[in-house]
Each structure stands twice: as structure tokens, then as C-alpha cells.
N, C-alpha and C. Protein backbone atom coordinates (compact mmCIF):
# COMPACT_ATOMS: atom_id res chain seq x y z
N MET A 1 3.74 -7.84 -53.20
CA MET A 1 3.77 -6.81 -52.15
C MET A 1 4.61 -5.81 -52.49
N LYS A 2 4.64 -4.54 -52.46
CA LYS A 2 5.17 -3.43 -52.73
C LYS A 2 5.67 -2.72 -51.91
N ILE A 3 6.65 -1.89 -52.10
CA ILE A 3 7.56 -1.12 -50.75
C ILE A 3 6.01 -0.13 -50.05
N GLY A 4 5.21 0.24 -51.06
CA GLY A 4 4.50 1.46 -50.35
C GLY A 4 3.37 0.73 -49.45
N ASP A 5 3.05 -0.56 -49.88
CA ASP A 5 2.24 -1.42 -48.94
C ASP A 5 2.88 -2.01 -47.44
N VAL A 6 4.23 -1.95 -47.82
CA VAL A 6 4.90 -2.08 -46.53
C VAL A 6 5.04 -0.99 -45.46
N ILE A 7 5.28 0.39 -46.27
CA ILE A 7 5.49 1.62 -45.22
C ILE A 7 4.01 1.24 -44.86
N ILE A 8 2.51 1.53 -45.51
CA ILE A 8 1.38 1.51 -44.85
C ILE A 8 1.43 0.69 -43.74
N ILE A 9 1.60 -0.46 -43.87
CA ILE A 9 1.41 -1.07 -42.69
C ILE A 9 2.55 -1.06 -41.86
N ALA A 10 3.33 -0.80 -41.65
CA ALA A 10 4.04 -0.30 -40.73
C ALA A 10 3.52 0.88 -39.82
N ILE A 11 2.83 1.85 -40.59
CA ILE A 11 2.67 2.96 -39.96
C ILE A 11 1.19 2.93 -39.46
N LEU A 12 0.45 1.69 -39.72
CA LEU A 12 -0.83 1.41 -39.16
C LEU A 12 -0.40 0.69 -37.90
N VAL A 13 0.55 -0.36 -37.82
CA VAL A 13 1.04 -1.20 -36.86
C VAL A 13 1.70 -0.28 -35.63
N LEU A 14 2.67 0.88 -35.65
CA LEU A 14 2.72 2.05 -35.06
C LEU A 14 1.70 2.54 -34.39
N ALA A 15 0.59 3.02 -35.32
CA ALA A 15 -0.43 3.81 -34.71
C ALA A 15 -1.43 3.26 -34.01
N SER A 16 -1.37 1.60 -34.27
CA SER A 16 -2.31 0.72 -33.27
C SER A 16 -1.63 1.12 -31.64
N PHE A 17 -0.41 1.15 -31.52
CA PHE A 17 0.10 1.34 -30.31
C PHE A 17 -0.10 3.07 -29.70
N LEU A 18 -0.87 3.79 -30.55
CA LEU A 18 -1.05 5.23 -30.19
C LEU A 18 -2.03 5.56 -28.77
N PRO A 19 -3.14 4.60 -28.69
CA PRO A 19 -4.17 4.54 -27.67
C PRO A 19 -3.36 4.10 -26.45
N ILE A 20 -2.53 2.99 -26.12
CA ILE A 20 -1.45 2.47 -25.17
C ILE A 20 -1.08 4.08 -24.74
N VAL A 21 -0.10 4.27 -25.46
CA VAL A 21 0.71 5.73 -25.01
C VAL A 21 -0.19 6.86 -24.42
N ILE A 22 -1.30 7.14 -25.20
CA ILE A 22 -2.52 7.96 -24.58
C ILE A 22 -2.67 8.09 -23.23
N PHE A 23 -3.25 6.76 -23.06
CA PHE A 23 -3.79 6.19 -21.88
C PHE A 23 -3.03 6.17 -20.73
N TYR A 24 -1.89 5.61 -21.04
CA TYR A 24 -0.86 5.91 -19.92
C TYR A 24 -0.33 7.03 -19.62
N PHE A 25 0.04 8.09 -20.33
CA PHE A 25 0.36 9.62 -19.96
C PHE A 25 -0.99 10.21 -19.41
N GLN A 26 -2.04 9.81 -19.53
CA GLN A 26 -3.21 10.60 -19.17
C GLN A 26 -3.57 10.04 -17.81
N GLN A 27 -3.45 8.82 -17.44
CA GLN A 27 -3.39 7.88 -16.02
C GLN A 27 -2.21 8.57 -14.95
N ASP A 28 -1.18 8.92 -15.66
CA ASP A 28 -0.07 9.40 -14.91
C ASP A 28 -0.50 10.31 -14.51
N GLN A 29 -1.06 11.41 -15.40
CA GLN A 29 -1.16 12.74 -14.82
C GLN A 29 -2.46 12.75 -14.00
N ASN A 30 -3.63 11.85 -14.43
CA ASN A 30 -4.75 11.93 -13.20
C ASN A 30 -4.14 11.54 -12.18
N GLN A 31 -3.60 10.51 -12.06
CA GLN A 31 -3.16 10.01 -10.60
C GLN A 31 -2.34 11.25 -9.99
N GLY A 32 -1.62 11.70 -10.28
CA GLY A 32 -0.48 12.83 -9.76
C GLY A 32 -1.52 14.10 -9.16
N GLN A 33 -2.66 14.23 -9.71
CA GLN A 33 -3.83 15.13 -9.40
C GLN A 33 -4.49 14.50 -8.67
N ALA A 34 -4.66 13.69 -8.17
CA ALA A 34 -5.87 12.54 -7.21
C ALA A 34 -4.86 12.44 -6.08
N GLU A 35 -3.48 12.45 -6.16
CA GLU A 35 -2.92 12.16 -5.00
C GLU A 35 -2.86 13.51 -4.32
N GLU A 36 -2.78 14.68 -4.89
CA GLU A 36 -2.68 15.84 -4.12
C GLU A 36 -4.27 16.79 -3.79
N ALA A 37 -5.14 15.96 -4.27
CA ALA A 37 -6.62 16.58 -3.95
C ALA A 37 -7.37 15.43 -3.03
N THR A 38 -7.10 14.39 -2.84
CA THR A 38 -7.60 13.58 -2.33
C THR A 38 -7.24 13.14 -0.76
N GLU A 39 -7.92 12.38 0.04
CA GLU A 39 -7.46 11.74 1.42
C GLU A 39 -7.81 10.37 1.67
N LYS A 40 -7.13 9.69 1.56
CA LYS A 40 -7.60 7.99 1.76
C LYS A 40 -7.81 7.68 3.34
N SER A 41 -8.64 7.08 3.33
CA SER A 41 -9.26 6.70 4.91
C SER A 41 -9.63 5.15 4.65
N ALA A 42 -9.45 4.49 5.94
CA ALA A 42 -9.44 3.21 6.39
C ALA A 42 -11.00 3.32 7.18
N ILE A 43 -12.17 2.72 6.95
CA ILE A 43 -12.89 2.84 7.57
C ILE A 43 -13.39 1.37 8.32
N VAL A 44 -13.37 1.43 9.84
CA VAL A 44 -13.85 0.04 10.39
C VAL A 44 -14.96 0.26 10.69
N ARG A 45 -15.93 -0.42 10.33
CA ARG A 45 -17.05 -0.82 10.78
C ARG A 45 -17.66 -2.27 11.39
N ILE A 46 -18.55 -2.19 12.60
CA ILE A 46 -19.04 -3.57 13.06
C ILE A 46 -20.21 -3.65 13.17
N ASP A 47 -21.01 -4.52 12.88
CA ASP A 47 -22.34 -4.98 12.17
C ASP A 47 -23.11 -3.41 11.49
N GLY A 48 -22.27 -3.22 10.51
CA GLY A 48 -22.94 -1.85 9.85
C GLY A 48 -22.39 -0.40 10.29
N LYS A 49 -22.09 -0.36 11.49
CA LYS A 49 -21.85 1.17 12.13
C LYS A 49 -20.32 1.30 12.35
N GLU A 50 -20.08 2.57 11.59
CA GLU A 50 -18.69 3.07 11.55
C GLU A 50 -18.15 3.03 13.21
N VAL A 51 -17.10 2.69 13.35
CA VAL A 51 -16.39 2.85 14.93
C VAL A 51 -15.49 3.34 14.51
N ASP A 52 -14.37 3.54 13.75
CA ASP A 52 -13.23 4.13 13.43
C ASP A 52 -13.48 4.62 12.29
N ARG A 53 -12.22 5.48 12.11
CA ARG A 53 -11.85 5.93 10.68
C ARG A 53 -10.13 6.54 10.85
N PHE A 54 -9.03 5.99 10.26
CA PHE A 54 -7.90 6.23 10.04
C PHE A 54 -7.46 6.71 8.89
N SER A 55 -6.90 7.63 8.64
CA SER A 55 -6.36 8.34 7.85
C SER A 55 -4.93 7.51 6.97
N LEU A 56 -4.98 7.26 5.64
CA LEU A 56 -3.87 6.52 5.18
C LEU A 56 -2.90 7.43 4.41
N ASN A 57 -2.95 8.81 4.13
CA ASN A 57 -2.23 9.61 3.78
C ASN A 57 -0.99 10.08 4.92
N LYS A 58 -1.16 10.11 6.34
CA LYS A 58 -0.25 10.49 6.93
C LYS A 58 0.58 9.41 7.80
N ASP A 59 1.78 9.63 8.01
CA ASP A 59 2.77 8.67 8.51
C ASP A 59 2.06 8.26 9.70
N ASN A 60 1.39 7.42 10.26
CA ASN A 60 0.82 6.67 11.35
C ASN A 60 1.05 5.32 11.65
N ALA A 61 0.91 4.70 12.90
CA ALA A 61 1.18 3.36 12.72
C ALA A 61 0.07 3.13 14.02
N VAL A 62 -1.04 2.31 13.70
CA VAL A 62 -1.97 2.14 14.78
C VAL A 62 -2.42 0.64 14.88
N GLN A 63 -2.30 0.12 15.84
CA GLN A 63 -2.88 -1.19 15.97
C GLN A 63 -3.65 -0.86 17.08
N LYS A 64 -4.94 -1.74 17.13
CA LYS A 64 -6.36 -1.09 18.07
C LYS A 64 -7.12 -2.98 17.88
N THR A 65 -7.33 -2.85 18.98
CA THR A 65 -8.23 -4.51 19.00
C THR A 65 -9.84 -4.15 19.45
N TYR A 66 -10.61 -4.95 18.50
CA TYR A 66 -12.23 -4.28 18.76
C TYR A 66 -12.41 -6.07 19.10
N HIS A 67 -13.39 -5.69 20.08
CA HIS A 67 -14.21 -6.82 20.59
C HIS A 67 -15.79 -6.68 20.28
N PRO A 68 -16.06 -7.36 19.24
CA PRO A 68 -17.89 -7.27 18.69
C PRO A 68 -18.54 -7.71 19.28
N ALA A 69 -18.28 -8.70 20.00
CA ALA A 69 -19.17 -9.36 20.87
C ALA A 69 -18.29 -10.21 21.96
N ASP A 70 -19.15 -10.68 22.99
CA ASP A 70 -18.22 -11.53 24.11
C ASP A 70 -17.59 -12.75 23.41
N GLY A 71 -15.96 -12.67 24.17
CA GLY A 71 -15.55 -13.96 23.13
C GLY A 71 -14.89 -13.67 21.55
N LYS A 72 -15.11 -12.66 21.23
CA LYS A 72 -14.47 -12.37 19.88
C LYS A 72 -13.86 -11.31 19.97
N TYR A 73 -12.72 -11.22 18.89
CA TYR A 73 -11.74 -10.13 18.81
C TYR A 73 -10.86 -10.28 17.67
N ASN A 74 -10.96 -8.72 17.19
CA ASN A 74 -9.92 -8.64 15.88
C ASN A 74 -8.87 -7.50 16.15
N ILE A 75 -7.54 -8.02 15.69
CA ILE A 75 -6.82 -6.58 15.78
C ILE A 75 -6.78 -6.22 14.35
N VAL A 76 -6.72 -4.94 14.59
CA VAL A 76 -6.64 -4.00 13.06
C VAL A 76 -5.35 -3.53 13.31
N GLU A 77 -4.81 -3.36 12.12
CA GLU A 77 -3.38 -2.53 11.90
C GLU A 77 -3.31 -1.61 10.79
N VAL A 78 -3.21 -0.82 11.02
CA VAL A 78 -2.86 0.51 10.06
C VAL A 78 -1.47 0.92 10.25
N ARG A 79 -0.73 1.39 8.98
CA ARG A 79 0.73 1.96 8.81
C ARG A 79 1.21 1.93 7.43
N ASP A 80 2.05 2.65 7.18
CA ASP A 80 2.43 2.72 5.72
C ASP A 80 1.28 3.23 4.93
N GLY A 81 0.13 3.68 5.07
CA GLY A 81 -0.70 3.66 3.85
C GLY A 81 -1.73 2.50 3.61
N GLN A 82 -1.76 1.63 4.43
CA GLN A 82 -2.33 0.15 4.50
C GLN A 82 -2.87 -0.18 5.62
N ALA A 83 -4.07 -0.81 5.37
CA ALA A 83 -4.52 -1.50 6.77
C ALA A 83 -4.75 -3.03 6.63
N ARG A 84 -5.10 -3.74 7.80
CA ARG A 84 -5.32 -5.16 7.73
C ARG A 84 -5.79 -5.65 8.87
N VAL A 85 -6.68 -6.74 8.77
CA VAL A 85 -6.64 -7.55 10.00
C VAL A 85 -5.61 -7.98 10.45
N LYS A 86 -4.99 -8.10 11.66
CA LYS A 86 -3.71 -8.89 11.79
C LYS A 86 -4.08 -9.92 12.77
N GLU A 87 -5.08 -10.22 13.24
CA GLU A 87 -5.16 -11.19 13.98
C GLU A 87 -6.70 -11.22 14.75
N ASP A 88 -7.38 -12.37 14.22
CA ASP A 88 -8.61 -12.33 15.01
C ASP A 88 -8.95 -13.86 15.40
N ASN A 89 -10.24 -14.27 16.07
CA ASN A 89 -10.51 -15.47 16.68
C ASN A 89 -11.33 -16.15 15.98
N SER A 90 -11.77 -15.86 14.41
CA SER A 90 -12.73 -16.66 13.92
C SER A 90 -11.98 -17.84 13.34
N PRO A 91 -13.03 -18.67 12.87
CA PRO A 91 -12.64 -20.10 12.68
C PRO A 91 -12.01 -20.12 11.15
N ASP A 92 -12.61 -19.20 10.25
CA ASP A 92 -12.16 -19.18 8.76
C ASP A 92 -10.50 -18.35 8.47
N GLN A 93 -10.78 -17.63 9.21
CA GLN A 93 -9.37 -16.53 9.18
C GLN A 93 -9.50 -15.82 7.82
N ILE A 94 -10.57 -15.36 7.25
CA ILE A 94 -10.56 -15.19 5.69
C ILE A 94 -9.93 -13.49 5.93
N ALA A 95 -10.29 -12.62 6.77
CA ALA A 95 -9.76 -11.47 6.87
C ALA A 95 -8.27 -11.25 6.92
N VAL A 96 -7.93 -12.28 8.17
CA VAL A 96 -6.35 -12.20 8.34
C VAL A 96 -5.62 -12.75 7.31
N ASN A 97 -6.32 -13.40 6.33
CA ASN A 97 -5.48 -13.81 4.95
C ASN A 97 -5.78 -12.95 3.86
N THR A 98 -6.69 -11.99 3.77
CA THR A 98 -6.89 -11.09 3.06
C THR A 98 -5.71 -10.40 2.93
N GLY A 99 -4.91 -9.96 4.30
CA GLY A 99 -3.77 -9.19 3.83
C GLY A 99 -4.14 -7.76 4.20
N TRP A 100 -2.66 -7.08 3.78
CA TRP A 100 -2.73 -5.55 3.34
C TRP A 100 -3.85 -4.94 2.44
N ILE A 101 -4.74 -4.28 2.67
CA ILE A 101 -5.45 -3.27 1.69
C ILE A 101 -5.32 -1.78 1.91
N SER A 102 -5.36 -1.30 0.72
CA SER A 102 -4.74 0.23 0.32
C SER A 102 -5.25 1.03 -0.79
N GLU A 103 -5.88 0.30 -1.67
CA GLU A 103 -6.75 1.18 -2.82
C GLU A 103 -8.04 1.28 -2.50
N PRO A 104 -8.44 2.54 -2.92
CA PRO A 104 -10.12 2.53 -2.78
C PRO A 104 -11.11 1.77 -3.17
N GLY A 105 -11.98 1.05 -2.52
CA GLY A 105 -12.84 -0.18 -2.94
C GLY A 105 -12.42 -1.40 -2.11
N GLU A 106 -11.48 -1.60 -1.73
CA GLU A 106 -10.54 -2.70 -1.22
C GLU A 106 -11.24 -2.76 0.17
N THR A 107 -11.50 -4.46 0.50
CA THR A 107 -12.32 -4.45 1.84
C THR A 107 -11.53 -5.95 2.43
N SER A 108 -11.57 -5.70 3.52
CA SER A 108 -11.67 -6.67 4.18
C SER A 108 -12.65 -7.07 5.25
N ILE A 109 -13.31 -8.20 5.21
CA ILE A 109 -14.27 -8.34 5.63
C ILE A 109 -14.20 -9.81 6.84
N CYS A 110 -14.61 -9.80 7.99
CA CYS A 110 -14.52 -10.73 8.88
C CYS A 110 -15.93 -11.10 9.28
N LEU A 111 -16.67 -12.15 8.75
CA LEU A 111 -18.11 -12.18 8.34
C LEU A 111 -18.53 -12.84 10.06
N PRO A 112 -18.14 -13.87 10.63
CA PRO A 112 -18.15 -14.02 11.88
C PRO A 112 -18.44 -13.13 12.99
N HIS A 113 -17.50 -11.94 12.54
CA HIS A 113 -17.63 -11.17 13.79
C HIS A 113 -17.94 -9.61 13.13
N LYS A 114 -18.74 -9.49 12.34
CA LYS A 114 -19.43 -8.56 11.25
C LYS A 114 -18.44 -7.17 11.31
N LEU A 115 -17.58 -7.71 11.21
CA LEU A 115 -16.16 -6.37 10.91
C LEU A 115 -15.81 -6.03 9.52
N VAL A 116 -16.16 -4.73 9.10
CA VAL A 116 -15.39 -4.75 7.93
C VAL A 116 -14.49 -3.60 8.03
N ILE A 117 -13.39 -3.27 7.00
CA ILE A 117 -12.54 -2.64 7.02
C ILE A 117 -12.60 -2.42 5.74
N GLU A 118 -13.04 -0.87 5.34
CA GLU A 118 -13.00 -0.63 3.69
C GLU A 118 -12.14 0.86 3.40
N ILE A 119 -11.66 0.77 2.40
CA ILE A 119 -10.79 2.00 2.15
C ILE A 119 -11.57 3.03 1.12
N TYR A 120 -11.65 4.11 1.53
CA TYR A 120 -12.24 4.97 0.82
C TYR A 120 -11.28 6.38 0.29
N GLU A 121 -11.79 7.03 -0.69
CA GLU A 121 -11.01 8.29 -0.85
C GLU A 121 -11.83 9.55 -0.74
N GLU A 122 -11.36 10.24 -0.15
CA GLU A 122 -12.40 11.45 -0.25
C GLU A 122 -11.73 12.55 -0.99
N ASP A 123 -12.89 13.02 -1.61
CA ASP A 123 -12.04 14.18 -2.99
C ASP A 123 -12.94 15.75 -2.34
N ALA A 124 -12.24 16.47 -3.17
CA ALA A 124 -12.36 17.97 -2.77
C ALA A 124 -13.62 18.46 -2.50
N GLU A 125 -14.65 17.72 -2.71
CA GLU A 125 -16.16 18.12 -2.58
C GLU A 125 -16.59 17.20 -0.99
N ASP A 126 -15.91 16.66 -0.25
CA ASP A 126 -16.35 15.60 0.71
C ASP A 126 -17.25 14.78 0.22
N THR A 127 -17.11 14.12 -0.83
CA THR A 127 -17.98 12.86 -1.30
C THR A 127 -17.05 11.60 -1.09
N TYR A 128 -17.12 10.44 -0.64
CA TYR A 128 -16.40 9.41 -1.22
C TYR A 128 -16.56 8.33 -2.49
N ILE A 129 -15.49 8.21 -2.82
CA ILE A 129 -14.89 7.73 -4.37
C ILE A 129 -15.10 6.05 -3.81
N TYR A 130 -15.39 4.99 -4.25
CA TYR A 130 -15.17 3.90 -3.88
C TYR A 130 -14.24 3.17 -5.40
């Protein structure tokens, strides 16, 4: 192995990291633009019907109780740009154990009560991005 071979190998190894650097800066730039142009919302649905919509971009703290059927309840909490099912009386507690959700496409589902919280991002053209 000669010195020229070592130089070429070193250049190729360094060049292999170039896509990572480009991807990082592109994602950082896109994220900055996306935060300026979009509105994130938590949409609460019961049995497939939208019952509430909360903005996650505003500094608000909301706690609301839903009664999807007789004897059933879900307490939904929204604060600090996040949403969660704080408490419910379902046997499995899946929605409660899901915890906070805040990114577009994330969901918290309480199947026995047919309650779903989903995070949407609305872009400048008023279309929802999952």
C-alpha cells in the first residue's frame, strides 16, 4: 500500500459522510420553514366524528372531560404543545399509557370508548399533513 492509496481511501471515507451532513442541514432548514408556515392541531374524535380541535401552537392549557357513552368518560389534557388522555375508565388504559403526543401523525386511541386524539399539521393551503 502506497501513500497515494492511503490518501484516496481517506478522501473516500470523508466523502461517505457528506450525505449525512447535507441531510442534517436540509432537515434543519425545512423544519424552520415548516414551523413558520404550519399550524399543529390536536383533533378529538368520538365514534369517527370530530368533537373538538385544539391548537398546539398557542400557549394554552385545556383539560376537558368527554362522555362517549353512559358510564364512560375520558379526560383529555392539552398543554405545552402536547395532548394526552389523562384519565379514563376503560379496562385496558392504552390511551392513558400512550402518554403525550405532539408530532403530526401521532395518535392516542381508546378503543372501548371509540375516542381518538390525532395530531395534524395544517399547511398554508389548508390541507392536513399526517
